[in-house]
Protein backbone atom coordinates (compact mmCIF):
# COMPACT_ATOMS: atom_id res chain seq x y z
CA MET A 1 -12.88 -15.80 -1.24
CA GLN A 2 -10.37 -12.98 -0.82
CA THR A 3 -10.14 -9.56 -2.45
CA VAL A 4 -7.14 -7.26 -2.30
CA THR A 5 -7.42 -3.52 -2.97
CA PHE A 6 -4.25 -1.46 -3.43
CA VAL A 7 -4.75 2.23 -2.61
CA LYS A 8 -2.11 4.56 -4.03
CA LYS A 9 -1.81 8.33 -3.85
CA ILE A 10 -1.48 11.11 -6.40
CA LYS A 11 0.08 14.20 -4.82
CA GLU A 12 -1.21 17.79 -5.04
CA ASP A 13 1.14 18.52 -7.95
CA GLY A 14 -0.25 15.57 -9.94
CA SER A 15 2.78 13.36 -9.49
CA PRO A 16 2.54 9.84 -8.09
CA CYS A 17 3.54 9.28 -4.49
CA ARG A 18 7.14 8.00 -4.53
CA LYS A 19 6.48 5.15 -2.10
CA CYS A 20 3.31 4.14 -3.96
CA ALA A 21 5.16 3.99 -7.28
CA GLU A 22 7.92 1.97 -5.65
CA VAL A 23 5.49 -0.54 -4.14
CA GLU A 24 3.64 -0.87 -7.45
CA GLU A 25 6.94 -1.50 -9.25
CA ARG A 26 7.86 -4.16 -6.68
CA LEU A 27 4.49 -5.86 -7.16
CA GLN A 28 4.95 -5.75 -10.94
CA SER A 29 8.49 -7.09 -10.92
CA ALA A 30 7.53 -9.89 -8.52
CA GLY A 31 4.62 -10.84 -10.80
CA LEU A 32 2.11 -10.13 -8.02
CA MET A 33 -0.08 -7.45 -9.65
CA PRO A 34 -2.49 -10.09 -11.03
CA ARG A 35 -3.25 -10.95 -7.38
CA ILE A 36 -4.42 -7.37 -6.74
CA ASP A 37 -8.14 -7.19 -7.47
CA ARG A 38 -8.52 -3.40 -7.49
CA VAL A 39 -6.29 -0.36 -7.63
CA VAL A 40 -7.85 2.77 -6.12
CA ILE A 41 -6.45 6.28 -6.39
CA ALA A 42 -6.29 8.68 -3.45
CA ASP A 43 -5.97 11.95 -5.33
CA GLU A 44 -4.93 14.81 -3.03
CA ARG A 45 -6.39 17.25 -5.59
CA ASP A 46 -9.85 15.68 -5.19
CA PRO A 47 -11.15 15.19 -1.64
CA ALA A 48 -14.03 13.17 -3.10
CA SER A 49 -11.72 10.63 -4.77
CA GLU A 50 -12.42 7.07 -3.72
CA GLY A 51 -8.99 6.58 -2.14
CA ILE A 52 -9.24 9.75 -0.04
CA GLN A 53 -12.70 8.67 1.12
CA LEU A 54 -11.48 5.16 2.00
CA ALA A 55 -8.51 6.55 3.92
CA ALA A 56 -10.80 8.82 5.93
CA GLU A 57 -13.30 6.02 6.63
CA LEU A 58 -10.57 3.63 7.72
CA GLY A 59 -8.46 6.17 9.63
CA VAL A 60 -5.42 5.62 7.41
CA ASP A 61 -3.03 8.53 7.06
CA ALA A 62 -0.25 7.03 4.93
CA ALA A 63 -0.11 5.67 1.42
CA PRO A 64 0.08 3.17 -0.03
CA PHE A 65 -2.22 0.88 1.87
CA PHE A 66 -4.08 -2.33 1.16
CA ILE A 67 -7.59 -3.43 2.06
CA VAL A 68 -8.02 -7.18 2.24
CA VAL A 69 -11.42 -8.78 2.62
CA LYS A 70 -11.42 -12.48 3.36
CA ASP A 71 -14.47 -14.45 4.43
CA GLY A 72 -16.32 -11.19 5.11
CA VAL A 73 -13.58 -9.81 7.38
CA GLN A 74 -11.81 -6.61 6.34
CA ILE A 75 -8.20 -5.98 7.32
CA VAL A 76 -6.25 -2.83 6.45
CA TYR A 77 -2.52 -3.15 5.85
CA THR A 78 -0.23 -0.13 5.79
CA SER A 79 2.86 -2.34 5.53
CA TYR A 80 3.81 -3.68 2.11
CA VAL A 81 6.02 -6.34 3.72
CA ARG A 82 3.12 -7.61 5.87
CA VAL A 83 0.89 -7.85 2.79
CA LEU A 84 3.58 -9.84 1.02
CA LYS A 85 3.97 -12.25 3.92
CA GLU A 86 0.42 -12.56 5.22
CA VAL A 87 -1.75 -12.08 2.16
CA LEU A 88 0.24 -12.72 -0.99
CA THR A 89 2.37 -15.41 0.70
CA ALA A 90 5.46 -14.10 -1.03
CA LYS A 91 8.91 -14.22 0.44
CA THR A 92 10.51 -11.02 1.67
CA THR A 93 14.12 -10.18 2.23
CA GLU A 94 15.62 -8.70 5.39
CA GLU A 95 16.64 -5.73 3.26
CA GLU A 96 13.01 -5.08 2.23
CA GLU A 97 11.87 -5.31 5.83
CA ALA A 98 14.61 -3.01 7.11
CA LYS A 99 13.99 -0.50 4.33
CA GLU A 100 10.28 -0.34 5.14
CA ILE A 101 10.97 0.19 8.85
CA LEU A 102 13.36 3.05 8.07
CA GLU A 103 10.95 4.67 5.60
CA ARG A 104 8.10 4.60 8.14
CA SER A 105 10.20 6.01 10.99
CA ASP A 106 11.31 9.61 10.69
CA ASP A 107 13.61 9.27 13.68
CA LEU A 108 15.61 6.35 12.26
CA ASP A 109 18.41 6.60 9.74
CA PHE A 110 21.27 4.55 8.39
CA LEU A 111 24.46 4.59 10.46
């Protein structure tokens, strides 16, 4: 048995995190949201929100992230592409992989 939790962030101003909204849209358009068991909100306005608490417990400092529990083993994924490949067994494109690398690396940019 496997469960997948998608943790997305709401920013201080009440708006959704851009990357979180983008990942959710990708999951929706790929028809993968039904494979997500829970969606948890990390609300920056509420330090007691479940997502903020999970992030602190797990030492995660970026959103979105995924918590996968399979056969009693918990794995945290901060990479959407890795979740697609390793958990949801969906195909990814080189463009998706490159885009994620660039978004996660402040010192990289397009030439």
